[in-house]
């Protein structure tokens, strides 16, 4: 029994980092680093880049849960998290989040100072801007998409040491992808978010018409951005065709949600968004491998 408590606390601290959510952050950073790496000799930077990114992302998630402890306690999907459930206290969770963030920033600074600067912008944008805005305006989701997309630019900058047009293309893909993705989540859990006082668009738009329009608007921006790697020389015709087909599939799900804003179509849109981005990254990686 004496060993059960430490193991339980370790799992609670791990839960603070939102490992499943941040796995996509780390994968995105790794893919964008690989796409940018000019030669195999530069791959030594990958390890500190991924470790630093994971630590900063985990620290930001922990600090977010510190600041939203009360809100998490009001929502069914989050009420059993370590903070609202009382398994961890605010001071220790706060120290943990700060420590992870500082170690992660230092690790990234060792690899590339520019990458550390982007990680700092992500941390500040997520914890100090996006988090408080969630209770004030439905535009918070758009604001939050900026730090959410910065890991793509971070991965490129860590390999190249500069933010070239390719970095901003990758940033744009993640930015525009996030809005349909998060609107699907917010529609599914709108009652939970309303209890917590979050003013996401599905909360203030009970009919879902504005939500559906926003899904279609950002998807319309995502489609040309998703094929932009072919325009800037990162990929060729096979990628262009594959990205277009993925975009078509995503569009079918978005139109289905726009026409019938049921829980079923929201789940399909969410599931499609989860599948879409890894497949798009896979196409880009495959293109790089074939060209090597």
Protein backbone atom coordinates (compact mmCIF):
# COMPACT_ATOMS: atom_id res chain seq x y z
CA UNK A 1 0.00 0.00 0.00
CA UNK A 2 2.88 2.37 0.69
CA UNK A 3 3.86 2.31 -2.97
CA UNK A 4 0.35 3.00 -4.26
CA UNK A 5 0.27 6.63 -3.13
CA UNK A 6 3.47 7.73 -4.92
CA UNK A 7 2.36 5.96 -8.09
CA UNK A 8 -1.02 7.68 -7.88
CA UNK A 9 0.57 11.10 -7.42
CA UNK A 10 2.90 10.53 -10.34
CA UNK A 11 -0.06 9.65 -12.56
CA UNK A 12 -1.86 12.80 -11.36
CA UNK A 13 1.10 15.00 -12.25
CA UNK A 14 1.31 13.31 -15.64
CA UNK A 15 -2.42 13.97 -16.12
CA UNK A 16 -1.74 17.68 -15.55
CA UNK A 17 0.34 17.73 -18.74
CA UNK A 18 -2.58 16.49 -20.89
CA UNK A 19 -0.36 13.89 -22.61
CA UNK A 20 -2.91 12.73 -25.19
CA UNK A 21 -3.68 16.27 -26.29
CA UNK A 22 -0.03 17.31 -26.42
CA UNK A 23 1.01 14.21 -28.35
CA UNK A 24 -0.26 15.91 -31.52
CA UNK A 25 1.77 19.02 -30.60
CA UNK A 26 4.95 16.95 -30.38
CA UNK A 27 4.16 15.03 -33.58
CA UNK A 28 3.50 18.30 -35.44
CA UNK A 29 6.81 19.72 -34.21
CA UNK A 30 8.66 16.56 -35.24
CA UNK A 31 7.13 16.50 -38.72
CA UNK A 32 7.86 20.17 -39.37
CA UNK A 33 11.41 19.77 -38.07
CA UNK A 34 12.00 16.83 -40.39
CA UNK A 35 10.58 18.70 -43.37
CA UNK A 36 12.93 21.61 -42.67
CA UNK A 37 16.11 19.69 -41.80
CA UNK A 38 18.52 20.37 -44.68
CA UNK A 39 20.71 17.35 -43.96
CA UNK A 40 20.97 14.31 -41.71
CA UNK A 41 23.73 16.09 -39.79
CA UNK A 42 21.14 18.50 -38.38
CA UNK A 43 18.99 15.75 -36.90
CA UNK A 44 20.88 15.95 -33.58
CA UNK A 45 18.75 19.03 -32.84
CA UNK A 46 15.57 16.96 -33.01
CA UNK A 47 15.86 15.44 -29.53
CA UNK A 48 16.22 18.73 -27.58
CA UNK A 49 13.54 20.27 -29.78
CA UNK A 50 10.99 17.56 -29.00
CA UNK A 51 11.90 17.32 -25.31
CA UNK A 52 11.70 21.09 -24.91
CA UNK A 53 8.43 21.31 -26.81
CA UNK A 54 6.87 18.50 -24.77
CA UNK A 55 7.95 20.12 -21.49
CA UNK A 56 6.65 23.58 -22.41
CA UNK A 57 3.38 22.13 -23.72
CA UNK A 58 2.99 20.08 -20.53
CA UNK A 59 3.79 23.09 -18.38
CA UNK A 60 1.24 25.22 -20.22
CA UNK A 61 -1.40 22.51 -19.75
CA UNK A 62 -0.65 22.31 -16.03
CA UNK A 63 -0.85 26.09 -15.59
CA UNK A 64 -4.09 26.15 -17.56
CA UNK A 65 -5.60 23.65 -15.12
CA UNK A 66 -4.40 25.71 -12.16
CA UNK A 67 -6.16 28.79 -13.51
CA UNK A 68 -9.31 26.85 -14.46
CA UNK A 69 -9.64 24.65 -11.41
CA UNK A 70 -13.11 25.94 -10.54
CA UNK A 71 -14.34 25.78 -14.13
CA UNK A 72 -13.06 22.23 -14.53
CA UNK A 73 -15.00 21.26 -11.40
CA UNK A 74 -18.23 22.44 -13.00
CA UNK A 75 -17.89 20.34 -16.15
CA UNK A 76 -18.74 16.64 -16.34
CA UNK A 77 -15.85 15.88 -18.69
CA UNK A 78 -13.20 17.49 -16.44
CA UNK A 79 -14.52 17.30 -12.87
CA UNK A 80 -12.35 14.28 -12.06
CA UNK A 81 -9.10 15.93 -13.09
CA UNK A 82 -6.49 16.02 -10.28
CA UNK A 83 -7.12 19.67 -9.38
CA UNK A 84 -10.93 19.88 -9.06
CA UNK A 85 -11.01 16.39 -7.50
CA UNK A 86 -8.65 17.58 -4.76
CA UNK A 87 -5.88 15.07 -5.45
CA UNK A 88 -3.42 17.89 -6.16
CA UNK A 89 -3.30 21.33 -4.59
CA UNK A 90 -2.84 24.65 -6.37
CA UNK A 91 0.69 25.50 -5.08
CA UNK A 92 2.23 22.17 -6.06
CA UNK A 93 0.53 22.11 -9.46
CA UNK A 94 1.61 25.71 -10.09
CA UNK A 95 5.22 24.95 -9.17
CA UNK A 96 5.12 21.87 -11.38
CA UNK A 97 3.80 23.83 -14.38
CA UNK A 98 6.36 26.62 -13.95
CA UNK A 99 9.23 24.15 -13.54
CA UNK A 100 8.28 22.19 -16.66
CA UNK A 101 7.96 25.39 -18.67
CA UNK A 102 11.32 26.80 -17.56
CA UNK A 103 13.20 23.55 -18.18
CA UNK A 104 11.52 23.22 -21.56
CA UNK A 105 12.43 26.78 -22.57
CA UNK A 106 16.02 26.23 -21.48
CA UNK A 107 16.21 23.01 -23.48
CA UNK A 108 14.88 24.74 -26.59
CA UNK A 109 17.26 27.67 -26.09
CA UNK A 110 20.12 25.16 -26.16
CA UNK A 111 18.88 23.91 -29.53
CA UNK A 112 17.79 27.20 -31.13
CA UNK A 113 17.07 30.52 -29.37
CA UNK A 114 14.43 31.28 -32.02
CA UNK A 115 12.62 28.05 -31.13
CA UNK A 116 12.69 29.03 -27.46
CA UNK A 117 11.21 32.42 -28.35
CA UNK A 118 8.36 30.78 -30.24
CA UNK A 119 7.77 28.41 -27.33
CA UNK A 120 7.64 31.37 -24.94
CA UNK A 121 5.11 33.08 -27.21
CA UNK A 122 3.06 29.88 -27.20
CA UNK A 123 3.19 29.65 -23.41
CA UNK A 124 2.21 33.28 -22.87
CA UNK A 125 -0.47 33.21 -25.56
CA UNK A 126 -2.09 30.06 -24.20
CA UNK A 127 -1.96 30.71 -20.46
CA UNK A 128 -2.15 34.50 -20.13
CA UNK A 129 -4.25 35.50 -23.16
CA UNK A 130 -6.38 32.62 -24.41
CA UNK A 131 -7.25 31.15 -21.00
CA UNK A 132 -8.84 34.31 -19.50
CA UNK A 133 -10.48 35.26 -22.81
CA UNK A 134 -12.52 32.05 -22.81
CA UNK A 135 -14.88 33.62 -20.25
CA UNK A 136 -15.16 36.92 -22.11
CA UNK A 137 -15.60 36.42 -25.84
CA UNK A 138 -16.34 33.79 -28.44
CA UNK A 139 -13.30 35.06 -30.35
CA UNK A 140 -11.09 33.37 -27.75
CA UNK A 141 -11.03 30.24 -29.89
CA UNK A 142 -9.49 32.15 -32.80
CA UNK A 143 -6.97 33.79 -30.47
CA UNK A 144 -6.11 30.39 -28.99
CA UNK A 145 -5.48 28.97 -32.45
CA UNK A 146 -2.36 31.15 -32.71
CA UNK A 147 -0.38 29.49 -29.87
CA UNK A 148 -1.91 26.21 -30.98
CA UNK A 149 -0.31 26.59 -34.43
CA UNK A 150 3.07 27.95 -33.32
CA UNK A 151 4.61 24.46 -32.72
CA UNK A 152 4.53 23.95 -36.50
CA UNK A 153 6.62 27.08 -37.03
CA UNK A 154 8.75 26.11 -34.03
CA UNK A 155 9.68 22.77 -35.58
CA UNK A 156 10.72 24.43 -38.81
CA UNK A 157 12.68 27.17 -37.03
CA UNK A 158 14.50 24.64 -34.84
CA UNK A 159 15.85 22.90 -37.94
CA UNK A 160 16.48 25.93 -40.16
CA UNK A 161 17.14 28.67 -37.63
CA UNK A 162 14.77 30.98 -39.51
CA UNK A 163 11.08 31.51 -40.19
CA UNK A 164 10.82 31.17 -43.95
CA UNK A 165 7.64 31.08 -46.04
CA UNK A 166 7.42 27.33 -45.53
CA UNK A 167 7.19 27.80 -41.77
CA UNK A 168 4.23 30.13 -42.17
CA UNK A 169 2.51 27.74 -44.57
CA UNK A 170 2.76 24.98 -41.96
CA UNK A 171 1.57 27.41 -39.28
CA UNK A 172 -1.41 28.35 -41.47
CA UNK A 173 -2.41 24.74 -41.99
CA UNK A 174 -2.60 24.09 -38.25
CA UNK A 175 -4.24 27.46 -37.54
CA UNK A 176 -7.11 26.99 -39.98
CA UNK A 177 -7.51 23.29 -39.10
CA UNK A 178 -8.01 24.07 -35.41
CA UNK A 179 -11.21 26.08 -35.77
CA UNK A 180 -13.43 23.33 -37.27
CA UNK A 181 -11.76 20.86 -34.89
CA UNK A 182 -12.47 22.89 -31.75
CA UNK A 183 -15.91 24.04 -32.85
CA UNK A 184 -16.90 20.39 -33.19
CA UNK A 185 -15.68 19.77 -29.62
CA UNK A 186 -17.41 22.89 -28.32
CA UNK A 187 -20.69 21.89 -30.00
CA UNK A 188 -20.58 18.42 -28.42
CA UNK A 189 -19.83 19.82 -24.96
CA UNK A 190 -21.62 23.17 -25.18
CA UNK A 191 -23.72 22.50 -22.06
CA UNK A 192 -20.57 21.71 -20.09
CA UNK A 193 -18.85 24.86 -21.35
CA UNK A 194 -21.91 26.95 -20.52
CA UNK A 195 -21.86 25.68 -16.92
CA UNK A 196 -18.22 26.68 -16.67
CA UNK A 197 -18.92 30.18 -18.01
CA UNK A 198 -16.96 29.78 -21.24
CA UNK A 199 -18.30 31.91 -24.07
CA UNK A 200 -17.38 29.65 -26.95
CA UNK A 201 -19.42 30.24 -30.11
CA UNK A 202 -21.65 27.14 -29.70
CA UNK A 203 -22.55 28.41 -26.20
CA UNK A 204 -23.72 31.84 -27.40
CA UNK A 205 -25.16 30.44 -30.66
CA UNK A 206 -27.83 27.94 -29.58
CA UNK A 207 -29.14 27.34 -33.12
CA UNK A 208 -25.67 26.48 -34.40
CA UNK A 209 -26.05 28.53 -37.57
CA UNK A 210 -23.12 30.83 -36.83
CA UNK A 211 -21.08 27.85 -35.67
CA UNK A 212 -21.71 26.04 -38.96
CA UNK A 213 -20.80 29.17 -40.95
CA UNK A 214 -17.52 29.48 -39.05
CA UNK A 215 -16.73 25.82 -39.69
CA UNK A 216 -17.25 26.31 -43.41
CA UNK A 217 -15.38 29.64 -43.48
CA UNK A 218 -12.22 28.29 -41.86
CA UNK A 219 -12.40 25.10 -43.88
CA UNK A 220 -12.54 27.24 -47.03
CA UNK A 221 -9.31 28.89 -45.85
CA UNK A 222 -7.74 25.55 -44.92
CA UNK A 223 -8.21 23.95 -48.33
CA UNK A 224 -5.91 26.29 -50.32
CA UNK A 225 -3.48 26.45 -47.41
CA UNK A 226 -3.28 22.66 -47.30
CA UNK A 227 -2.10 22.50 -50.92
CA UNK A 228 0.25 25.50 -50.53
CA UNK A 229 3.26 23.23 -49.79
CA UNK A 230 3.13 22.25 -53.48
CA UNK A 231 3.16 25.92 -54.48
CA UNK A 232 6.22 26.80 -52.38
CA UNK A 233 8.29 23.83 -53.50
CA UNK A 234 7.90 21.58 -50.46
CA UNK A 235 5.99 18.87 -52.32
CA UNK A 236 4.96 17.79 -55.78
CA UNK A 237 1.88 16.60 -57.64
CA UNK A 238 1.26 13.41 -55.59
CA UNK A 239 0.99 15.52 -52.44
CA UNK A 240 -1.24 18.02 -54.21
CA UNK A 241 -3.65 15.28 -55.23
CA UNK A 242 -3.58 13.60 -51.82
CA UNK A 243 -4.14 16.87 -49.95
CA UNK A 244 -7.03 17.74 -52.25
CA UNK A 245 -8.68 14.37 -51.59
CA UNK A 246 -8.24 14.75 -47.83
CA UNK A 247 -9.74 18.22 -48.07
CA UNK A 248 -12.70 16.82 -49.99
CA UNK A 249 -13.35 14.27 -47.27
CA UNK A 250 -13.10 16.93 -44.56
CA UNK A 251 -15.49 19.11 -46.54
CA UNK A 252 -18.09 16.34 -46.78
CA UNK A 253 -18.08 16.02 -42.97
CA UNK A 254 -18.27 19.79 -42.51
CA UNK A 255 -21.21 20.11 -44.91
CA UNK A 256 -22.94 17.27 -43.10
CA UNK A 257 -22.58 19.15 -39.82
CA UNK A 258 -23.72 22.42 -41.39
CA UNK A 259 -26.89 20.78 -42.71
CA UNK A 260 -27.64 18.75 -39.60
CA UNK A 261 -26.08 20.07 -36.40
CA UNK A 262 -26.73 16.89 -34.48
CA UNK A 263 -24.41 15.25 -31.99
CA UNK A 264 -23.74 12.49 -34.52
CA UNK A 265 -22.51 14.87 -37.21
CA UNK A 266 -20.47 16.83 -34.67
CA UNK A 267 -18.74 13.60 -33.64
CA UNK A 268 -18.05 12.72 -37.26
CA UNK A 269 -16.58 16.18 -37.88
CA UNK A 270 -14.42 15.86 -34.76
CA UNK A 271 -13.25 12.36 -35.71
CA UNK A 272 -12.52 13.51 -39.25
CA UNK A 273 -10.44 16.41 -38.00
CA UNK A 274 -8.42 14.06 -35.78
CA UNK A 275 -7.68 11.82 -38.79
CA UNK A 276 -7.12 14.63 -41.29
CA UNK A 277 -4.05 16.33 -39.83
CA UNK A 278 -1.88 13.21 -39.22
CA UNK A 279 -2.70 11.99 -42.73
CA UNK A 280 -1.70 15.37 -44.18
CA UNK A 281 1.59 15.27 -42.24
CA UNK A 282 2.09 11.71 -43.46
CA UNK A 283 1.76 12.87 -47.06
CA UNK A 284 4.36 15.59 -46.55
CA UNK A 285 6.77 13.19 -44.85
CA UNK A 286 6.28 10.61 -47.62
CA UNK A 287 7.06 13.29 -50.20
CA UNK A 288 10.28 14.18 -48.41
CA UNK A 289 11.29 10.50 -48.14
CA UNK A 290 10.66 9.87 -51.84
CA UNK A 291 12.69 12.93 -52.80
CA UNK A 292 15.60 11.98 -50.53
